[in-house]
């Protein structure tokens, strides 16, 4: 129950902090967050693992740690390989622009012929 009350109080103090910054209010948010193990705007959680997983006598060696991206996110989001082909949207934009220019050209050409025929 105390954690729920602390969370509500942090939300209230955080709203007031958005209206007018106050150092005492900020310290109260931090105190509540640390006391009740709650994440706040001013606190975060850091995991510290104190278990040694290797023999201290062994030399350190780099390990490639995989970091999977969320589904649907391309490698470009993290500086992966550069795309070799334009995006589909760019191709569609260029194609529609070319069609508009072509249609305008043919319309003006047809109008010119009609005007020449009338004269």
PDB file of N, CA and C in Angstrom:
ATOM      1  N   UNK A   1       0.820  -1.195   0.000  1.00  0.00           N
ATOM      2  CA  UNK A   1       0.000   0.000   0.000  1.00  0.00           C
ATOM      3  C   UNK A   1       0.873   1.272   0.000  1.00  0.00           C
ATOM      4  N   UNK A   2       1.972   1.199   0.744  1.00  0.00           N
ATOM      5  CA  UNK A   2       2.857   2.370   0.841  1.00  0.00           C
ATOM      6  C   UNK A   2       3.426   2.728  -0.528  1.00  0.00           C
ATOM      7  N   UNK A   3       3.721   1.716  -1.342  1.00  0.00           N
ATOM      8  CA  UNK A   3       4.272   1.966  -2.668  1.00  0.00           C
ATOM      9  C   UNK A   3       3.246   2.687  -3.549  1.00  0.00           C
ATOM     10  N   UNK A   4       1.977   2.308  -3.465  1.00  0.00           N
ATOM     11  CA  UNK A   4       0.935   2.969  -4.251  1.00  0.00           C
ATOM     12  C   UNK A   4       0.763   4.426  -3.837  1.00  0.00           C
ATOM     13  N   UNK A   5       0.811   4.665  -2.528  1.00  0.00           N
ATOM     14  CA  UNK A   5       0.701   6.047  -2.034  1.00  0.00           C
ATOM     15  C   UNK A   5       1.901   6.859  -2.498  1.00  0.00           C
ATOM     16  N   UNK A   6       3.096   6.261  -2.436  1.00  0.00           N
ATOM     17  CA  UNK A   6       4.307   6.960  -2.872  1.00  0.00           C
ATOM     18  C   UNK A   6       4.232   7.265  -4.359  1.00  0.00           C
ATOM     19  N   UNK A   7       3.736   6.311  -5.151  1.00  0.00           N
ATOM     20  CA  UNK A   7       3.611   6.525  -6.598  1.00  0.00           C
ATOM     21  C   UNK A   7       2.652   7.682  -6.892  1.00  0.00           C
ATOM     22  N   UNK A   8       1.537   7.736  -6.173  1.00  0.00           N
ATOM     23  CA  UNK A   8       0.571   8.823  -6.368  1.00  0.00           C
ATOM     24  C   UNK A   8       1.183  10.161  -5.962  1.00  0.00           C
ATOM     25  N   UNK A   9       1.922  10.162  -4.863  1.00  0.00           N
ATOM     26  CA  UNK A   9       2.559  11.407  -4.392  1.00  0.00           C
ATOM     27  C   UNK A   9       3.627  11.874  -5.388  1.00  0.00           C
ATOM     28  N   UNK A  10       4.394  10.927  -5.931  1.00  0.00           N
ATOM     29  CA  UNK A  10       5.403  11.277  -6.940  1.00  0.00           C
ATOM     30  C   UNK A  10       4.729  11.888  -8.159  1.00  0.00           C
ATOM     31  N   UNK A  11       3.613  11.312  -8.599  1.00  0.00           N
ATOM     32  CA  UNK A  11       2.895  11.849  -9.766  1.00  0.00           C
ATOM     33  C   UNK A  11       2.424  13.267  -9.491  1.00  0.00           C
ATOM     34  N   UNK A  12       1.918  13.490  -8.276  1.00  0.00           N
ATOM     35  CA  UNK A  12       1.444  14.830  -7.905  1.00  0.00           C
ATOM     36  C   UNK A  12       2.605  15.827  -7.882  1.00  0.00           C
ATOM     37  N   UNK A  13       3.703  15.439  -7.251  1.00  0.00           N
ATOM     38  CA  UNK A  13       4.864  16.329  -7.179  1.00  0.00           C
ATOM     39  C   UNK A  13       5.453  16.586  -8.566  1.00  0.00           C
ATOM     40  N   UNK A  14       5.455  15.560  -9.409  1.00  0.00           N
ATOM     41  CA  UNK A  14       5.984  15.700 -10.759  1.00  0.00           C
ATOM     42  C   UNK A  14       5.146  16.678 -11.579  1.00  0.00           C
ATOM     43  N   UNK A  15       3.806  16.621 -11.400  1.00  0.00           N
ATOM     44  CA  UNK A  15       2.935  17.580 -12.086  1.00  0.00           C
ATOM     45  C   UNK A  15       3.231  19.007 -11.635  1.00  0.00           C
ATOM     46  N   UNK A  16       3.401  19.185 -10.341  1.00  0.00           N
ATOM     47  CA  UNK A  16       3.715  20.519  -9.818  1.00  0.00           C
ATOM     48  C   UNK A  16       5.082  20.985 -10.315  1.00  0.00           C
ATOM     49  N   UNK A  17       6.018  20.044 -10.434  1.00  0.00           N
ATOM     50  CA  UNK A  17       7.361  20.364 -10.922  1.00  0.00           C
ATOM     51  C   UNK A  17       7.291  20.875 -12.358  1.00  0.00           C
ATOM     52  N   UNK A  18       6.335  20.352 -13.136  1.00  0.00           N
ATOM     53  CA  UNK A  18       6.172  20.803 -14.516  1.00  0.00           C
ATOM     54  C   UNK A  18       5.689  22.240 -14.588  1.00  0.00           C
ATOM     55  N   UNK A  19       4.951  22.674 -13.569  1.00  0.00           N
ATOM     56  CA  UNK A  19       4.458  24.056 -13.550  1.00  0.00           C
ATOM     57  C   UNK A  19       5.531  25.023 -13.088  1.00  0.00           C
ATOM     58  N   UNK A  20       6.248  24.639 -12.029  1.00  0.00           N
ATOM     59  CA  UNK A  20       7.301  25.508 -11.496  1.00  0.00           C
ATOM     60  C   UNK A  20       8.363  24.639 -10.827  1.00  0.00           C
ATOM     61  N   UNK A  21       9.579  24.746 -11.300  1.00  0.00           N
ATOM     62  CA  UNK A  21      10.682  23.948 -10.759  1.00  0.00           C
ATOM     63  C   UNK A  21      10.965  24.360  -9.320  1.00  0.00           C
ATOM     64  N   UNK A  22      11.198  23.329  -8.476  1.00  0.00           N
ATOM     65  CA  UNK A  22      11.501  23.579  -7.070  1.00  0.00           C
ATOM     66  C   UNK A  22      12.465  22.500  -6.606  1.00  0.00           C
ATOM     67  N   UNK A  23      13.595  22.880  -6.062  1.00  0.00           N
ATOM     68  CA  UNK A  23      14.623  21.931  -5.645  1.00  0.00           C
ATOM     69  C   UNK A  23      14.138  21.035  -4.511  1.00  0.00           C
ATOM     70  N   UNK A  24      13.407  21.576  -3.563  1.00  0.00           N
ATOM     71  CA  UNK A  24      12.891  20.773  -2.445  1.00  0.00           C
ATOM     72  C   UNK A  24      11.926  19.708  -2.959  1.00  0.00           C
ATOM     73  N   UNK A  25      11.109  20.071  -3.940  1.00  0.00           N
ATOM     74  CA  UNK A  25      10.160  19.118  -4.527  1.00  0.00           C
ATOM     75  C   UNK A  25      10.918  18.018  -5.277  1.00  0.00           C
ATOM     76  N   UNK A  26      11.972  18.399  -5.996  1.00  0.00           N
ATOM     77  CA  UNK A  26      12.789  17.426  -6.720  1.00  0.00           C
ATOM     78  C   UNK A  26      13.427  16.432  -5.755  1.00  0.00           C
ATOM     79  N   UNK A  27      13.963  16.930  -4.636  1.00  0.00           N
ATOM     80  CA  UNK A  27      14.577  16.058  -3.633  1.00  0.00           C
ATOM     81  C   UNK A  27      13.551  15.126  -3.001  1.00  0.00           C
ATOM     82  N   UNK A  28      12.332  15.595  -2.822  1.00  0.00           N
ATOM     83  CA  UNK A  28      11.257  14.757  -2.269  1.00  0.00           C
ATOM     84  C   UNK A  28      10.895  13.636  -3.245  1.00  0.00           C
ATOM     85  N   UNK A  29      10.859  13.952  -4.533  1.00  0.00           N
ATOM     86  CA  UNK A  29      10.593  12.928  -5.555  1.00  0.00           C
ATOM     87  C   UNK A  29      11.693  11.873  -5.517  1.00  0.00           C
ATOM     88  N   UNK A  30      12.942  12.303  -5.429  1.00  0.00           N
ATOM     89  CA  UNK A  30      14.072  11.377  -5.373  1.00  0.00           C
ATOM     90  C   UNK A  30      13.984  10.501  -4.123  1.00  0.00           C
ATOM     91  N   UNK A  31      13.695  11.121  -2.983  1.00  0.00           N
ATOM     92  CA  UNK A  31      13.604  10.369  -1.720  1.00  0.00           C
ATOM     93  C   UNK A  31      12.516   9.299  -1.803  1.00  0.00           C
ATOM     94  N   UNK A  32      11.355   9.671  -2.328  1.00  0.00           N
ATOM     95  CA  UNK A  32      10.260   8.703  -2.451  1.00  0.00           C
ATOM     96  C   UNK A  32      10.621   7.581  -3.423  1.00  0.00           C
ATOM     97  N   UNK A  33      11.242   7.929  -4.537  1.00  0.00           N
ATOM     98  CA  UNK A  33      11.622   6.925  -5.517  1.00  0.00           C
ATOM     99  C   UNK A  33      12.620   5.925  -4.970  1.00  0.00           C
ATOM    100  N   UNK A  34      13.645   6.420  -4.278  1.00  0.00           N
ATOM    101  CA  UNK A  34      14.671   5.540  -3.724  1.00  0.00           C
ATOM    102  C   UNK A  34      14.104   4.706  -2.572  1.00  0.00           C
ATOM    103  N   UNK A  35      13.339   5.325  -1.703  1.00  0.00           N
ATOM    104  CA  UNK A  35      12.778   4.623  -0.549  1.00  0.00           C
ATOM    105  C   UNK A  35      11.850   3.488  -0.965  1.00  0.00           C
ATOM    106  N   UNK A  36      11.037   3.726  -1.983  1.00  0.00           N
ATOM    107  CA  UNK A  36      10.021   2.743  -2.384  1.00  0.00           C
ATOM    108  C   UNK A  36      10.383   1.993  -3.675  1.00  0.00           C
ATOM    109  N   UNK A  37      11.632   2.132  -4.119  1.00  0.00           N
ATOM    110  CA  UNK A  37      12.098   1.453  -5.338  1.00  0.00           C
ATOM    111  C   UNK A  37      11.198   1.748  -6.536  1.00  0.00           C
ATOM    112  N   UNK A  38      10.944   3.022  -6.770  1.00  0.00           N
ATOM    113  CA  UNK A  38      10.099   3.460  -7.879  1.00  0.00           C
ATOM    114  C   UNK A  38      10.926   4.278  -8.865  1.00  0.00           C
ATOM    115  N   UNK A  39      10.649   4.082 -10.142  1.00  0.00           N
ATOM    116  CA  UNK A  39      11.312   4.846 -11.188  1.00  0.00           C
ATOM    117  C   UNK A  39      10.669   6.223 -11.265  1.00  0.00           C
ATOM    118  N   UNK A  40      11.484   7.266 -11.268  1.00  0.00           N
ATOM    119  CA  UNK A  40      10.973   8.638 -11.385  1.00  0.00           C
ATOM    120  C   UNK A  40      11.767   9.362 -12.462  1.00  0.00           C
ATOM    121  N   UNK A  41      11.414  10.613 -12.698  1.00  0.00           N
ATOM    122  CA  UNK A  41      12.134  11.443 -13.657  1.00  0.00           C
ATOM    123  C   UNK A  41      13.589  11.648 -13.226  1.00  0.00           C
ATOM    124  N   UNK A  42      13.839  11.574 -11.918  1.00  0.00           N
ATOM    125  CA  UNK A  42      15.168  11.867 -11.393  1.00  0.00           C
ATOM    126  C   UNK A  42      15.923  10.635 -10.910  1.00  0.00           C
ATOM    127  N   UNK A  43      15.307   9.457 -10.958  1.00  0.00           N
ATOM    128  CA  UNK A  43      15.970   8.238 -10.509  1.00  0.00           C
ATOM    129  C   UNK A  43      15.856   7.174 -11.593  1.00  0.00           C
ATOM    130  N   UNK A  44      16.758   6.220 -11.556  1.00  0.00           N
ATOM    131  CA  UNK A  44      16.709   5.091 -12.482  1.00  0.00           C
ATOM    132  C   UNK A  44      17.255   3.872 -11.749  1.00  0.00           C
ATOM    133  N   UNK A  45      17.140   2.729 -12.381  1.00  0.00           N
ATOM    134  CA  UNK A  45      17.622   1.496 -11.776  1.00  0.00           C
ATOM    135  C   UNK A  45      18.892   1.058 -12.486  1.00  0.00           C
ATOM    136  N   UNK A  46      19.857   0.627 -11.707  1.00  0.00           N
ATOM    137  CA  UNK A  46      21.104   0.107 -12.253  1.00  0.00           C
ATOM    138  C   UNK A  46      21.311  -1.281 -11.653  1.00  0.00           C
ATOM    139  N   UNK A  47      21.482  -2.272 -12.506  1.00  0.00           N
ATOM    140  CA  UNK A  47      21.724  -3.631 -12.032  1.00  0.00           C
ATOM    141  C   UNK A  47      23.221  -3.845 -11.890  1.00  0.00           C
ATOM    142  N   UNK A  48      23.627  -4.342 -10.743  1.00  0.00           N
ATOM    143  CA  UNK A  48      25.039  -4.612 -10.496  1.00  0.00           C
ATOM    144  C   UNK A  48      25.154  -6.086 -10.164  1.00  0.00           C
ATOM    145  N   UNK A  49      25.876  -6.805 -11.005  1.00  0.00           N
ATOM    146  CA  UNK A  49      26.080  -8.232 -10.794  1.00  0.00           C
ATOM    147  C   UNK A  49      27.465  -8.415 -10.211  1.00  0.00           C
ATOM    148  N   UNK A  50      27.553  -8.936  -9.014  1.00  0.00           N
ATOM    149  CA  UNK A  50      28.844  -9.082  -8.349  1.00  0.00           C
ATOM    150  C   UNK A  50      29.416 -10.479  -8.472  1.00  0.00           C
ATOM    151  N   UNK A  51      28.748 -11.355  -9.219  1.00  0.00           N
ATOM    152  CA  UNK A  51      29.238 -12.718  -9.401  1.00  0.00           C
ATOM    153  C   UNK A  51      30.253 -12.718 -10.537  1.00  0.00           C
ATOM    154  N   UNK A  52      31.463 -13.206 -10.274  1.00  0.00           N
ATOM    155  CA  UNK A  52      32.510 -13.268 -11.285  1.00  0.00           C
ATOM    156  C   UNK A  52      32.262 -14.506 -12.137  1.00  0.00           C
ATOM    157  N   UNK A  53      32.198 -14.329 -13.445  1.00  0.00           N
ATOM    158  CA  UNK A  53      31.881 -15.422 -14.357  1.00  0.00           C
ATOM    159  C   UNK A  53      33.112 -15.984 -15.061  1.00  0.00           C
ATOM    160  N   UNK A  54      34.275 -15.515 -14.729  1.00  0.00           N
ATOM    161  CA  UNK A  54      35.494 -16.018 -15.367  1.00  0.00           C
ATOM    162  C   UNK A  54      36.588 -16.138 -14.317  1.00  0.00           C
ATOM    163  N   UNK A  55      37.597 -16.898 -14.656  1.00  0.00           N
ATOM    164  CA  UNK A  55      38.737 -17.039 -13.756  1.00  0.00           C
ATOM    165  C   UNK A  55      39.527 -15.738 -13.821  1.00  0.00           C
ATOM    166  N   UNK A  56      39.763 -15.076 -12.701  1.00  0.00           N
ATOM    167  CA  UNK A  56      40.487 -13.797 -12.716  1.00  0.00           C
ATOM    168  C   UNK A  56      41.882 -13.890 -13.323  1.00  0.00           C
ATOM    169  N   UNK A  57      42.443 -15.090 -13.414  1.00  0.00           N
ATOM    170  CA  UNK A  57      43.788 -15.261 -13.980  1.00  0.00           C
ATOM    171  C   UNK A  57      43.754 -15.239 -15.502  1.00  0.00           C
ATOM    172  N   UNK A  58      42.615 -15.549 -16.089  1.00  0.00           N
ATOM    173  CA  UNK A  58      42.500 -15.555 -17.549  1.00  0.00           C
ATOM    174  C   UNK A  58      42.525 -14.126 -18.093  1.00  0.00           C
ATOM    175  N   UNK A  59      43.096 -13.998 -19.294  1.00  0.00           N
ATOM    176  CA  UNK A  59      43.140 -12.678 -19.944  1.00  0.00           C
ATOM    177  C   UNK A  59      41.737 -12.292 -20.415  1.00  0.00           C
ATOM    178  N   UNK A  60      41.494 -11.012 -20.424  1.00  0.00           N
ATOM    179  CA  UNK A  60      40.208 -10.527 -20.930  1.00  0.00           C
ATOM    180  C   UNK A  60      40.181 -10.674 -22.444  1.00  0.00           C
ATOM    181  N   UNK A  61      39.012 -11.003 -22.997  1.00  0.00           N
ATOM    182  CA  UNK A  61      38.883 -11.111 -24.446  1.00  0.00           C
ATOM    183  C   UNK A  61      37.532 -10.515 -24.852  1.00  0.00           C
ATOM    184  N   UNK A  62      37.521  -9.837 -26.000  1.00  0.00           N
ATOM    185  CA  UNK A  62      36.257  -9.239 -26.447  1.00  0.00           C
ATOM    186  C   UNK A  62      35.273 -10.324 -26.898  1.00  0.00           C
ATOM    187  N   UNK A  63      34.015 -10.093 -26.649  1.00  0.00           N
ATOM    188  CA  UNK A  63      32.950 -11.022 -27.038  1.00  0.00           C
ATOM    189  C   UNK A  63      31.909 -10.226 -27.807  1.00  0.00           C
ATOM    190  N   UNK A  64      31.542 -10.735 -28.978  1.00  0.00           N
ATOM    191  CA  UNK A  64      30.479 -10.078 -29.764  1.00  0.00           C
ATOM    192  C   UNK A  64      29.142 -10.424 -29.122  1.00  0.00           C
ATOM    193  N   UNK A  65      28.509  -9.449 -28.543  1.00  0.00           N
ATOM    194  CA  UNK A  65      27.234  -9.656 -27.863  1.00  0.00           C
ATOM    195  C   UNK A  65      26.099  -9.284 -28.804  1.00  0.00           C
ATOM    196  N   UNK A  66      25.258 -10.237 -29.181  1.00  0.00           N
ATOM    197  CA  UNK A  66      24.151  -9.900 -30.087  1.00  0.00           C
ATOM    198  C   UNK A  66      23.163  -8.959 -29.407  1.00  0.00           C
ATOM    199  N   UNK A  67      22.652  -8.062 -30.178  1.00  0.00           N
ATOM    200  CA  UNK A  67      21.670  -7.106 -29.675  1.00  0.00           C
ATOM    201  C   UNK A  67      20.516  -7.057 -30.666  1.00  0.00           C
ATOM    202  N   UNK A  68      19.549  -7.971 -30.526  1.00  0.00           N
ATOM    203  CA  UNK A  68      18.477  -8.031 -31.515  1.00  0.00           C
ATOM    204  C   UNK A  68      17.615  -6.778 -31.496  1.00  0.00           C
ATOM    205  N   UNK A  69      17.208  -6.379 -32.688  1.00  0.00           N
ATOM    206  CA  UNK A  69      16.336  -5.221 -32.822  1.00  0.00           C
ATOM    207  C   UNK A  69      14.877  -5.663 -32.720  1.00  0.00           C
ATOM    208  N   UNK A  70      13.989  -4.772 -32.343  1.00  0.00           N
ATOM    209  CA  UNK A  70      12.566  -5.115 -32.326  1.00  0.00           C
ATOM    210  C   UNK A  70      12.095  -5.510 -33.719  1.00  0.00           C
ATOM    211  N   UNK A  71      11.072  -6.328 -33.770  1.00  0.00           N
ATOM    212  CA  UNK A  71      10.534  -6.792 -35.047  1.00  0.00           C
ATOM    213  C   UNK A  71      10.126  -5.615 -35.917  1.00  0.00           C
ATOM    214  N   UNK A  72      10.544  -5.653 -37.169  1.00  0.00           N
ATOM    215  CA  UNK A  72      10.174  -4.614 -38.126  1.00  0.00           C
ATOM    216  C   UNK A  72      11.128  -3.435 -38.162  1.00  0.00           C
ATOM    217  N   UNK A  73      12.155  -3.410 -37.308  1.00  0.00           N
ATOM    218  CA  UNK A  73      13.113  -2.304 -37.288  1.00  0.00           C
ATOM    219  C   UNK A  73      14.327  -2.704 -38.110  1.00  0.00           C
ATOM    220  N   UNK A  74      14.712  -1.860 -39.052  1.00  0.00           N
ATOM    221  CA  UNK A  74      15.827  -2.161 -39.948  1.00  0.00           C
ATOM    222  C   UNK A  74      17.162  -1.855 -39.271  1.00  0.00           C
ATOM    223  N   UNK A  75      18.225  -2.452 -39.805  1.00  0.00           N
ATOM    224  CA  UNK A  75      19.579  -2.189 -39.312  1.00  0.00           C
ATOM    225  C   UNK A  75      19.961  -0.718 -39.491  1.00  0.00           C
ATOM    226  N   UNK A  76      19.282  -0.012 -40.384  1.00  0.00           N
ATOM    227  CA  UNK A  76      19.582   1.403 -40.612  1.00  0.00           C
ATOM    228  C   UNK A  76      19.313   2.237 -39.360  1.00  0.00           C
ATOM    229  N   UNK A  77      18.466   1.729 -38.463  1.00  0.00           N
ATOM    230  CA  UNK A  77      18.140   2.460 -37.241  1.00  0.00           C
ATOM    231  C   UNK A  77      19.349   2.619 -36.327  1.00  0.00           C
ATOM    232  N   UNK A  78      20.329   1.733 -36.458  1.00  0.00           N
ATOM    233  CA  UNK A  78      21.501   1.789 -35.594  1.00  0.00           C
ATOM    234  C   UNK A  78      22.794   1.934 -36.379  1.00  0.00           C
ATOM    235  N   UNK A  79      22.691   2.459 -37.586  1.00  0.00           N
ATOM    236  CA  UNK A  79      23.892   2.683 -38.381  1.00  0.00           C
ATOM    237  C   UNK A  79      24.381   1.431 -39.072  1.00  0.00           C
ATOM    238  N   UNK A  80      23.464   0.557 -39.435  1.00  0.00           N
ATOM    239  CA  UNK A  80      23.829  -0.665 -40.144  1.00  0.00           C
ATOM    240  C   UNK A  80      24.209  -0.364 -41.578  1.00  0.00           C
ATOM    241  N   UNK A  81      24.126  -1.372 -42.411  1.00  0.00           N
ATOM    242  CA  UNK A  81      24.485  -1.200 -43.810  1.00  0.00           C
ATOM    243  C   UNK A  81      23.601  -0.148 -44.471  1.00  0.00           C
ATOM    244  N   UNK A  82      24.192   0.582 -45.391  1.00  0.00           N
ATOM    245  CA  UNK A  82      23.460   1.610 -46.119  1.00  0.00           C
ATOM    246  C   UNK A  82      22.689   0.951 -47.251  1.00  0.00           C
ATOM    247  N   UNK A  83      21.444   1.355 -47.416  1.00  0.00           N
ATOM    248  CA  UNK A  83      20.618   0.776 -48.475  1.00  0.00           C
ATOM    249  C   UNK A  83      21.232   1.078 -49.837  1.00  0.00           C
ATOM    250  N   UNK A  84      21.204   0.086 -50.729  1.00  0.00           N
ATOM    251  CA  UNK A  84      21.775   0.280 -52.054  1.00  0.00           C
ATOM    252  C   UNK A  84      20.719   0.678 -53.065  1.00  0.00           C
ATOM    253  N   UNK A  85      19.473   0.556 -52.717  1.00  0.00           N
ATOM    254  CA  UNK A  85      18.381   0.921 -53.618  1.00  0.00           C
ATOM    255  C   UNK A  85      17.528   1.986 -52.936  1.00  0.00           C
ATOM    256  N   UNK A  86      16.896   2.847 -53.712  1.00  0.00           N
ATOM    257  CA  UNK A  86      16.056   3.859 -53.091  1.00  0.00           C
ATOM    258  C   UNK A  86      14.845   3.228 -52.405  1.00  0.00           C
ATOM    259  N   UNK A  87      14.315   3.928 -51.458  1.00  0.00           N
ATOM    260  CA  UNK A  87      13.119   3.470 -50.752  1.00  0.00           C
ATOM    261  C   UNK A  87      11.964   3.359 -51.731  1.00  0.00           C
ATOM    262  N   UNK A  88      11.035   2.427 -51.498  1.00  0.00           N
ATOM    263  CA  UNK A  88       9.885   2.282 -52.401  1.00  0.00           C
ATOM    264  C   UNK A  88       9.065   3.568 -52.521  1.00  0.00           C
ATOM    265  N   UNK A  89       8.965   4.315 -51.449  1.00  0.00           N
ATOM    266  CA  UNK A  89       8.213   5.575 -51.492  1.00  0.00           C
ATOM    267  C   UNK A  89       8.837   6.579 -52.444  1.00  0.00           C
ATOM    268  N   UNK A  90      10.177   6.611 -52.493  1.00  0.00           N
ATOM    269  CA  UNK A  90      10.875   7.538 -53.391  1.00  0.00           C
ATOM    270  C   UNK A  90      10.635   7.150 -54.840  1.00  0.00           C
ATOM    271  N   UNK A  91      10.650   5.852 -55.117  1.00  0.00           N
ATOM    272  CA  UNK A  91      10.397   5.385 -56.482  1.00  0.00           C
ATOM    273  C   UNK A  91       8.981   5.756 -56.902  1.00  0.00           C
ATOM    274  N   UNK A  92       8.023   5.549 -56.010  1.00  0.00           N
ATOM    275  CA  UNK A  92       6.630   5.886 -56.307  1.00  0.00           C
ATOM    276  C   UNK A  92       6.466   7.381 -56.558  1.00  0.00           C
ATOM    277  N   UNK A  93       7.134   8.206 -55.761  1.00  0.00           N
ATOM    278  CA  UNK A  93       7.065   9.653 -55.931  1.00  0.00           C
ATOM    279  C   UNK A  93       7.642  10.071 -57.275  1.00  0.00           C
ATOM    280  N   UNK A  94       8.787   9.521 -57.643  1.00  0.00           N
ATOM    281  CA  UNK A  94       9.396   9.849 -58.931  1.00  0.00           C
ATOM    282  C   UNK A  94       8.509   9.401 -60.087  1.00  0.00           C
ATOM    283  N   UNK A  95       7.925   8.208 -59.983  1.00  0.00           N
ATOM    284  CA  UNK A  95       7.062   7.695 -61.051  1.00  0.00           C
ATOM    285  C   UNK A  95       5.822   8.565 -61.217  1.00  0.00           C
ATOM    286  N   UNK A  96       5.202   8.964 -60.115  1.00  0.00           N
ATOM    287  CA  UNK A  96       3.995   9.801 -60.221  1.00  0.00           C
ATOM    288  C   UNK A  96       4.351  11.182 -60.771  1.00  0.00           C
ATOM    289  N   UNK A  97       5.522  11.708 -60.413  1.00  0.00           N
ATOM    290  CA  UNK A  97       5.955  12.991 -60.958  1.00  0.00           C
ATOM    291  C   UNK A  97       6.188  12.908 -62.459  1.00  0.00           C
ATOM    292  N   UNK A  98       6.816  11.818 -62.903  1.00  0.00           N
ATOM    293  CA  UNK A  98       7.062  11.627 -64.338  1.00  0.00           C
ATOM    294  C   UNK A  98       5.746  11.500 -65.097  1.00  0.00           C
ATOM    295  N   UNK A  99       4.782  10.799 -64.502  1.00  0.00           N
ATOM    296  CA  UNK A  99       3.471  10.654 -65.156  1.00  0.00           C
ATOM    297  C   UNK A  99       2.772  12.004 -65.274  1.00  0.00           C
ATOM    298  N   UNK A 100       2.873  12.835 -64.241  1.00  0.00           N
ATOM    299  CA  UNK A 100       2.235  14.150 -64.275  1.00  0.00           C
ATOM    300  C   UNK A 100       2.871  15.031 -65.353  1.00  0.00           C
ATOM    301  N   UNK A 101       4.190  14.994 -65.460  1.00  0.00           N
ATOM    302  CA  UNK A 101       4.888  15.779 -66.484  1.00  0.00           C
ATOM    303  C   UNK A 101       4.498  15.283 -67.870  1.00  0.00           C
ATOM    304  N   UNK A 102       4.464  13.962 -68.051  1.00  0.00           N
ATOM    305  CA  UNK A 102       4.080  13.390 -69.342  1.00  0.00           C
ATOM    306  C   UNK A 102       2.656  13.755 -69.725  1.00  0.00           C
ATOM    307  N   UNK A 103       1.737  13.673 -68.775  1.00  0.00           N
ATOM    308  CA  UNK A 103       0.336  14.014 -69.051  1.00  0.00           C
ATOM    309  C   UNK A 103       0.218  15.487 -69.430  1.00  0.00           C
ATOM    310  N   UNK A 104       0.950  16.348 -68.755  1.00  0.00           N
ATOM    311  CA  UNK A 104       0.911  17.776 -69.056  1.00  0.00           C
ATOM    312  C   UNK A 104       1.453  18.045 -70.461  1.00  0.00           C
ATOM    313  N   UNK A 105       2.541  17.351 -70.803  1.00  0.00           N
ATOM    314  CA  UNK A 105       3.133  17.517 -72.130  1.00  0.00           C
ATOM    315  C   UNK A 105       2.147  17.101 -73.217  1.00  0.00           C
ATOM    316  N   UNK A 106       1.539  15.924 -73.058  1.00  0.00           N
ATOM    317  CA  UNK A 106       0.603  15.433 -74.085  1.00  0.00           C
ATOM    318  C   UNK A 106      -0.636  16.311 -74.170  1.00  0.00           C
ATOM    319  N   UNK A 107      -1.105  16.835 -73.067  1.00  0.00           N
ATOM    320  CA  UNK A 107      -2.273  17.727 -73.076  1.00  0.00           C
ATOM    321  C   UNK A 107      -1.957  19.007 -73.841  1.00  0.00           C
ATOM    322  N   UNK A 108      -0.776  19.598 -73.563  1.00  0.00           N
ATOM    323  CA  UNK A 108      -0.417  20.845 -74.261  1.00  0.00           C
ATOM    324  C   UNK A 108      -0.182  20.593 -75.752  1.00  0.00           C
ATOM    325  N   UNK A 109       0.370  19.434 -76.069  1.00  0.00           N
ATOM    326  CA  UNK A 109       0.593  19.101 -77.472  1.00  0.00           C
ATOM    327  C   UNK A 109      -0.747  18.933 -78.213  1.00  0.00           C
ATOM    328  N   UNK A 110      -1.702  18.257 -77.560  1.00  0.00           N
ATOM    329  CA  UNK A 110      -3.013  18.073 -78.168  1.00  0.00           C
ATOM    330  C   UNK A 110      -3.720  19.426 -78.347  1.00  0.00           C
ATOM    331  N   UNK A 111      -3.593  20.307 -77.362  1.00  0.00           N
ATOM    332  CA  UNK A 111      -4.212  21.628 -77.443  1.00  0.00           C
ATOM    333  C   UNK A 111      -3.616  22.436 -78.590  1.00  0.00           C
ATOM    334  N   UNK A 112      -2.299  22.336 -78.769  1.00  0.00           N
ATOM    335  CA  UNK A 112      -1.642  23.043 -79.861  1.00  0.00           C
ATOM    336  C   UNK A 112      -2.160  22.567 -81.222  1.00  0.00           C
ATOM    337  N   UNK A 113      -2.309  21.247 -81.350  1.00  0.00           N
ATOM    338  CA  UNK A 113      -2.830  20.703 -82.609  1.00  0.00           C
ATOM    339  C   UNK A 113      -4.255  21.177 -82.874  1.00  0.00           C
ATOM    340  N   UNK A 114      -5.063  21.226 -81.828  1.00  0.00           N
ATOM    341  CA  UNK A 114      -6.452  21.683 -81.989  1.00  0.00           C
ATOM    342  C   UNK A 114      -6.475  23.156 -82.390  1.00  0.00           C
ATOM    343  N   UNK A 115      -5.605  23.946 -81.784  1.00  0.00           N
ATOM    344  CA  UNK A 115      -5.544  25.375 -82.128  1.00  0.00           C
ATOM    345  C   UNK A 115      -5.079  25.568 -83.567  1.00  0.00           C
ATOM    346  N   UNK A 116      -4.102  24.774 -84.021  1.00  0.00           N
ATOM    347  CA  UNK A 116      -3.610  24.870 -85.399  1.00  0.00           C
ATOM    348  C   UNK A 116      -4.703  24.443 -86.381  1.00  0.00           C
ATOM    349  N   UNK A 117      -5.501  23.457 -85.990  1.00  0.00           N
ATOM    350  CA  UNK A 117      -6.569  22.976 -86.861  1.00  0.00           C
ATOM    351  C   UNK A 117      -7.678  24.022 -87.019  1.00  0.00           C
ATOM    352  N   UNK A 118      -7.909  24.816 -85.995  1.00  0.00           N
ATOM    353  CA  UNK A 118      -8.957  25.840 -86.030  1.00  0.00           C
ATOM    354  C   UNK A 118      -8.529  27.041 -86.863  1.00  0.00           C
ATOM    355  N   UNK A 119      -7.255  27.283 -86.981  1.00  0.00           N
ATOM    356  CA  UNK A 119      -6.794  28.453 -87.721  1.00  0.00           C
ATOM    357  C   UNK A 119      -6.521  28.187 -89.176  1.00  0.00           C
TER     358      UNK A 119
END
